């Protein structure tokens, strides 16, 4: 298999490091391709990550023979693939560099706001999953969530976080 095109839904690409830590490398939305899958297929190497559906997804998986034929003979497909590879690579580079510069509190607030709305304020995620999402340690995320809860911005329970004061979290991002 050489290509995976996400037709609907969202998915994340994670990688497990040698020490057992897991990091989110990228997110895919409808209309995007998994650049890691394409590159691993073209190089003949094993896929280095895990592709995890975050919502219901529809995906198109393309076999090697079809993929190579389409790349060679169909310019719109070729442009889509190589444009997607470029965008995916740039996004991964940006995510890795940004994580090093943004404090954990802001990364966590951003992640919580990104996956919730005023109408749907609940995040179904463990502290470990949130840590993997933002590239931090579970203990750091737990301390930060406790700080947010003491401020009255969120409520937490086993495997969930509920946003109580979305505007306060949002304001925290701007500080």
C-alpha atoms as a PDB file:
ATOM      1  CA  UNK A   1       0.000   0.000   0.000  1.00  0.00           C
ATOM      2  CA  UNK A   2       1.308   3.461  -0.904  1.00  0.00           C
ATOM      3  CA  UNK A   3      -1.329   5.969  -0.113  1.00  0.00           C
ATOM      4  CA  UNK A   4      -4.147   6.752   2.241  1.00  0.00           C
ATOM      5  CA  UNK A   5      -6.512   9.596   1.503  1.00  0.00           C
ATOM      6  CA  UNK A   6      -8.804  10.723   4.291  1.00  0.00           C
ATOM      7  CA  UNK A   7     -12.196  11.349   2.685  1.00  0.00           C
ATOM      8  CA  UNK A   8     -14.056  12.333   5.881  1.00  0.00           C
ATOM      9  CA  UNK A   9     -13.370  12.606   9.592  1.00  0.00           C
ATOM     10  CA  UNK A  10     -10.148  13.260  11.489  1.00  0.00           C
ATOM     11  CA  UNK A  11      -7.204  11.086  12.462  1.00  0.00           C
ATOM     12  CA  UNK A  12      -3.903  11.557  14.225  1.00  0.00           C
ATOM     13  CA  UNK A  13      -0.513  10.065  13.510  1.00  0.00           C
ATOM     14  CA  UNK A  14       1.493   9.012  16.537  1.00  0.00           C
ATOM     15  CA  UNK A  15       4.898   7.468  16.966  1.00  0.00           C
ATOM     16  CA  UNK A  16       6.255   5.456  19.882  1.00  0.00           C
ATOM     17  CA  UNK A  17       9.830   6.312  20.800  1.00  0.00           C
ATOM     18  CA  UNK A  18      12.447   3.812  21.964  1.00  0.00           C
ATOM     19  CA  UNK A  19      11.877   4.843  25.600  1.00  0.00           C
ATOM     20  CA  UNK A  20       8.160   4.018  25.269  1.00  0.00           C
ATOM     21  CA  UNK A  21       6.902   7.616  25.081  1.00  0.00           C
ATOM     22  CA  UNK A  22       4.322   8.380  22.413  1.00  0.00           C
ATOM     23  CA  UNK A  23       4.088  11.658  20.501  1.00  0.00           C
ATOM     24  CA  UNK A  24       1.517  13.033  18.104  1.00  0.00           C
ATOM     25  CA  UNK A  25       3.296  13.791  14.830  1.00  0.00           C
ATOM     26  CA  UNK A  26       0.442  15.083  12.779  1.00  0.00           C
ATOM     27  CA  UNK A  27      -3.313  15.358  12.377  1.00  0.00           C
ATOM     28  CA  UNK A  28      -5.242  14.603   9.226  1.00  0.00           C
ATOM     29  CA  UNK A  29      -8.555  16.122   8.195  1.00  0.00           C
ATOM     30  CA  UNK A  30     -10.827  15.232   5.315  1.00  0.00           C
ATOM     31  CA  UNK A  31      -9.120  15.742   1.962  1.00  0.00           C
ATOM     32  CA  UNK A  32      -5.596  15.174   3.266  1.00  0.00           C
ATOM     33  CA  UNK A  33      -3.178  12.349   2.597  1.00  0.00           C
ATOM     34  CA  UNK A  34      -0.966  10.550   5.079  1.00  0.00           C
ATOM     35  CA  UNK A  35       2.480  11.659   3.943  1.00  0.00           C
ATOM     36  CA  UNK A  36       4.225   9.165   6.232  1.00  0.00           C
ATOM     37  CA  UNK A  37       2.351   6.276   4.622  1.00  0.00           C
ATOM     38  CA  UNK A  38       3.244   7.502   1.130  1.00  0.00           C
ATOM     39  CA  UNK A  39       6.898   8.037   2.019  1.00  0.00           C
ATOM     40  CA  UNK A  40       7.260   4.720   3.827  1.00  0.00           C
ATOM     41  CA  UNK A  41       5.669   2.949   0.861  1.00  0.00           C
ATOM     42  CA  UNK A  42       7.891   4.690  -1.681  1.00  0.00           C
ATOM     43  CA  UNK A  43      11.009   3.939   0.360  1.00  0.00           C
ATOM     44  CA  UNK A  44      10.041   0.320   0.995  1.00  0.00           C
ATOM     45  CA  UNK A  45      10.242   0.851   4.767  1.00  0.00           C
ATOM     46  CA  UNK A  46       7.772  -0.049   7.476  1.00  0.00           C
ATOM     47  CA  UNK A  47       5.269   2.614   8.474  1.00  0.00           C
ATOM     48  CA  UNK A  48       6.934   4.393  11.439  1.00  0.00           C
ATOM     49  CA  UNK A  49       3.786   5.450  13.266  1.00  0.00           C
ATOM     50  CA  UNK A  50       0.230   4.603  14.149  1.00  0.00           C
ATOM     51  CA  UNK A  51      -2.755   6.116  12.424  1.00  0.00           C
ATOM     52  CA  UNK A  52      -5.614   6.561  14.903  1.00  0.00           C
ATOM     53  CA  UNK A  53      -9.123   7.655  13.945  1.00  0.00           C
ATOM     54  CA  UNK A  54     -10.398  10.428  16.220  1.00  0.00           C
ATOM     55  CA  UNK A  55     -13.870  10.469  14.662  1.00  0.00           C
ATOM     56  CA  UNK A  56     -15.732   8.228  12.235  1.00  0.00           C
ATOM     57  CA  UNK A  57     -13.613   8.237   9.090  1.00  0.00           C
ATOM     58  CA  UNK A  58     -13.874   7.231   5.464  1.00  0.00           C
ATOM     59  CA  UNK A  59     -10.514   6.552   3.884  1.00  0.00           C
ATOM     60  CA  UNK A  60      -9.259   5.427   0.510  1.00  0.00           C
ATOM     61  CA  UNK A  61      -6.258   3.114   0.567  1.00  0.00           C
ATOM     62  CA  UNK A  62      -4.420   2.828  -2.751  1.00  0.00           C
ATOM     63  CA  UNK A  63      -2.373  -0.190  -3.794  1.00  0.00           C
ATOM     64  CA  UNK A  64       1.166   0.305  -5.043  1.00  0.00           C
ATOM     65  CA  UNK A  65       0.461  -0.486  -8.706  1.00  0.00           C
ATOM     66  CA  UNK A  66      -2.469   1.967  -8.897  1.00  0.00           C
ATOM     67  CA  UNK A  67      -0.650   4.634  -6.933  1.00  0.00           C
ATOM     68  CA  UNK A  68       2.410   4.564  -9.195  1.00  0.00           C
ATOM     69  CA  UNK A  69       0.237   4.543 -12.329  1.00  0.00           C
ATOM     70  CA  UNK A  70      -1.786   7.553 -11.123  1.00  0.00           C
ATOM     71  CA  UNK A  71       1.342   9.484 -10.125  1.00  0.00           C
ATOM     72  CA  UNK A  72       2.946   8.822 -13.495  1.00  0.00           C
ATOM     73  CA  UNK A  73      -0.018   9.489 -15.778  1.00  0.00           C
ATOM     74  CA  UNK A  74      -2.413  11.835 -13.962  1.00  0.00           C
ATOM     75  CA  UNK A  75      -1.039  15.302 -13.262  1.00  0.00           C
ATOM     76  CA  UNK A  76      -3.885  16.384 -10.931  1.00  0.00           C
ATOM     77  CA  UNK A  77      -3.289  13.290  -8.778  1.00  0.00           C
ATOM     78  CA  UNK A  78       0.483  13.876  -8.837  1.00  0.00           C
ATOM     79  CA  UNK A  79      -0.019  17.505  -7.758  1.00  0.00           C
ATOM     80  CA  UNK A  80      -2.363  16.441  -4.964  1.00  0.00           C
ATOM     81  CA  UNK A  81       0.063  13.798  -3.680  1.00  0.00           C
ATOM     82  CA  UNK A  82       3.203  15.923  -3.765  1.00  0.00           C
ATOM     83  CA  UNK A  83       1.383  18.998  -2.472  1.00  0.00           C
ATOM     84  CA  UNK A  84       0.048  16.860   0.379  1.00  0.00           C
ATOM     85  CA  UNK A  85       3.522  15.505   1.081  1.00  0.00           C
ATOM     86  CA  UNK A  86       4.894  19.021   1.284  1.00  0.00           C
ATOM     87  CA  UNK A  87       2.063  20.287   3.507  1.00  0.00           C
ATOM     88  CA  UNK A  88       2.266  17.259   5.803  1.00  0.00           C
ATOM     89  CA  UNK A  89       6.029  17.557   6.140  1.00  0.00           C
ATOM     90  CA  UNK A  90       5.863  21.284   6.867  1.00  0.00           C
ATOM     91  CA  UNK A  91       3.115  20.718   9.438  1.00  0.00           C
ATOM     92  CA  UNK A  92       5.156  18.012  11.206  1.00  0.00           C
ATOM     93  CA  UNK A  93       8.235  20.228  11.274  1.00  0.00           C
ATOM     94  CA  UNK A  94       6.166  23.091  12.639  1.00  0.00           C
ATOM     95  CA  UNK A  95       4.517  20.919  15.309  1.00  0.00           C
ATOM     96  CA  UNK A  96       7.843  19.580  16.526  1.00  0.00           C
ATOM     97  CA  UNK A  97       9.468  23.014  16.723  1.00  0.00           C
ATOM     98  CA  UNK A  98       6.462  24.768  18.222  1.00  0.00           C
ATOM     99  CA  UNK A  99       6.134  22.257  21.048  1.00  0.00           C
ATOM    100  CA  UNK A 100       9.610  23.135  22.236  1.00  0.00           C
ATOM    101  CA  UNK A 101       8.817  26.874  22.441  1.00  0.00           C
ATOM    102  CA  UNK A 102       5.283  26.965  23.867  1.00  0.00           C
ATOM    103  CA  UNK A 103       4.774  26.372  27.616  1.00  0.00           C
ATOM    104  CA  UNK A 104       2.872  23.235  28.655  1.00  0.00           C
ATOM    105  CA  UNK A 105      -0.019  25.263  30.114  1.00  0.00           C
ATOM    106  CA  UNK A 106      -0.674  26.928  26.764  1.00  0.00           C
ATOM    107  CA  UNK A 107      -0.283  23.695  24.779  1.00  0.00           C
ATOM    108  CA  UNK A 108      -2.749  21.963  27.096  1.00  0.00           C
ATOM    109  CA  UNK A 109      -5.257  24.830  27.032  1.00  0.00           C
ATOM    110  CA  UNK A 110      -5.025  24.907  23.235  1.00  0.00           C
ATOM    111  CA  UNK A 111      -5.562  21.139  22.957  1.00  0.00           C
ATOM    112  CA  UNK A 112      -8.595  21.275  25.266  1.00  0.00           C
ATOM    113  CA  UNK A 113     -10.135  24.169  23.351  1.00  0.00           C
ATOM    114  CA  UNK A 114      -9.427  22.569  19.969  1.00  0.00           C
ATOM    115  CA  UNK A 115     -11.466  19.441  20.709  1.00  0.00           C
ATOM    116  CA  UNK A 116     -14.392  21.085  22.525  1.00  0.00           C
ATOM    117  CA  UNK A 117     -17.081  23.665  21.848  1.00  0.00           C
ATOM    118  CA  UNK A 118     -19.501  25.615  24.021  1.00  0.00           C
ATOM    119  CA  UNK A 119     -22.139  23.016  23.130  1.00  0.00           C
ATOM    120  CA  UNK A 120     -19.779  20.027  23.618  1.00  0.00           C
ATOM    121  CA  UNK A 121     -17.478  20.957  26.535  1.00  0.00           C
ATOM    122  CA  UNK A 122     -16.400  17.398  27.406  1.00  0.00           C
ATOM    123  CA  UNK A 123     -13.068  15.829  26.427  1.00  0.00           C
ATOM    124  CA  UNK A 124     -12.947  12.043  26.758  1.00  0.00           C
ATOM    125  CA  UNK A 125      -9.225  11.586  27.360  1.00  0.00           C
ATOM    126  CA  UNK A 126      -6.905  10.401  30.100  1.00  0.00           C
ATOM    127  CA  UNK A 127      -4.061  12.498  31.443  1.00  0.00           C
ATOM    128  CA  UNK A 128      -1.678  10.169  29.578  1.00  0.00           C
ATOM    129  CA  UNK A 129      -3.511  10.705  26.275  1.00  0.00           C
ATOM    130  CA  UNK A 130      -3.431  14.469  26.761  1.00  0.00           C
ATOM    131  CA  UNK A 131       0.289  14.271  27.560  1.00  0.00           C
ATOM    132  CA  UNK A 132       0.921  12.362  24.334  1.00  0.00           C
ATOM    133  CA  UNK A 133      -1.146  14.906  22.427  1.00  0.00           C
ATOM    134  CA  UNK A 134       0.909  17.880  23.606  1.00  0.00           C
ATOM    135  CA  UNK A 135       4.309  16.187  23.891  1.00  0.00           C
ATOM    136  CA  UNK A 136       4.655  16.269  27.667  1.00  0.00           C
ATOM    137  CA  UNK A 137       4.709  13.927  30.657  1.00  0.00           C
ATOM    138  CA  UNK A 138       1.534  12.664  32.323  1.00  0.00           C
ATOM    139  CA  UNK A 139       2.600  14.077  35.675  1.00  0.00           C
ATOM    140  CA  UNK A 140       3.039  17.562  34.181  1.00  0.00           C
ATOM    141  CA  UNK A 141      -0.383  17.388  32.549  1.00  0.00           C
ATOM    142  CA  UNK A 142      -1.947  16.221  35.841  1.00  0.00           C
ATOM    143  CA  UNK A 143      -0.425  19.165  37.720  1.00  0.00           C
ATOM    144  CA  UNK A 144      -1.540  21.605  35.035  1.00  0.00           C
ATOM    145  CA  UNK A 145      -5.088  20.218  34.983  1.00  0.00           C
ATOM    146  CA  UNK A 146      -5.201  20.526  38.774  1.00  0.00           C
ATOM    147  CA  UNK A 147      -4.139  24.169  38.460  1.00  0.00           C
ATOM    148  CA  UNK A 148      -6.863  24.771  35.842  1.00  0.00           C
ATOM    149  CA  UNK A 149      -9.441  23.039  38.079  1.00  0.00           C
ATOM    150  CA  UNK A 150      -8.451  25.101  41.132  1.00  0.00           C
ATOM    151  CA  UNK A 151      -8.926  28.225  39.016  1.00  0.00           C
ATOM    152  CA  UNK A 152     -12.453  27.025  38.195  1.00  0.00           C
ATOM    153  CA  UNK A 153     -11.788  26.717  34.467  1.00  0.00           C
ATOM    154  CA  UNK A 154     -12.347  22.946  34.206  1.00  0.00           C
ATOM    155  CA  UNK A 155     -13.635  19.896  36.051  1.00  0.00           C
ATOM    156  CA  UNK A 156     -11.923  16.533  35.759  1.00  0.00           C
ATOM    157  CA  UNK A 157     -12.756  12.928  36.411  1.00  0.00           C
ATOM    158  CA  UNK A 158     -11.380   9.547  35.459  1.00  0.00           C
ATOM    159  CA  UNK A 159     -10.859   9.732  31.693  1.00  0.00           C
ATOM    160  CA  UNK A 160     -12.568  13.072  31.103  1.00  0.00           C
ATOM    161  CA  UNK A 161     -12.136  16.831  31.315  1.00  0.00           C
ATOM    162  CA  UNK A 162     -15.058  19.274  31.166  1.00  0.00           C
ATOM    163  CA  UNK A 163     -14.472  22.878  30.153  1.00  0.00           C
ATOM    164  CA  UNK A 164     -16.344  25.150  32.595  1.00  0.00           C
ATOM    165  CA  UNK A 165     -14.937  28.566  31.684  1.00  0.00           C
ATOM    166  CA  UNK A 166     -13.876  28.400  28.056  1.00  0.00           C
ATOM    167  CA  UNK A 167     -13.216  32.144  27.945  1.00  0.00           C
ATOM    168  CA  UNK A 168     -10.699  31.862  30.814  1.00  0.00           C
ATOM    169  CA  UNK A 169      -8.764  29.098  29.027  1.00  0.00           C
ATOM    170  CA  UNK A 170      -8.877  31.111  25.822  1.00  0.00           C
ATOM    171  CA  UNK A 171      -7.654  34.239  27.651  1.00  0.00           C
ATOM    172  CA  UNK A 172      -4.837  32.165  29.201  1.00  0.00           C
ATOM    173  CA  UNK A 173      -3.559  31.433  25.680  1.00  0.00           C
ATOM    174  CA  UNK A 174      -3.157  35.171  25.022  1.00  0.00           C
ATOM    175  CA  UNK A 175      -1.199  35.911  28.220  1.00  0.00           C
END
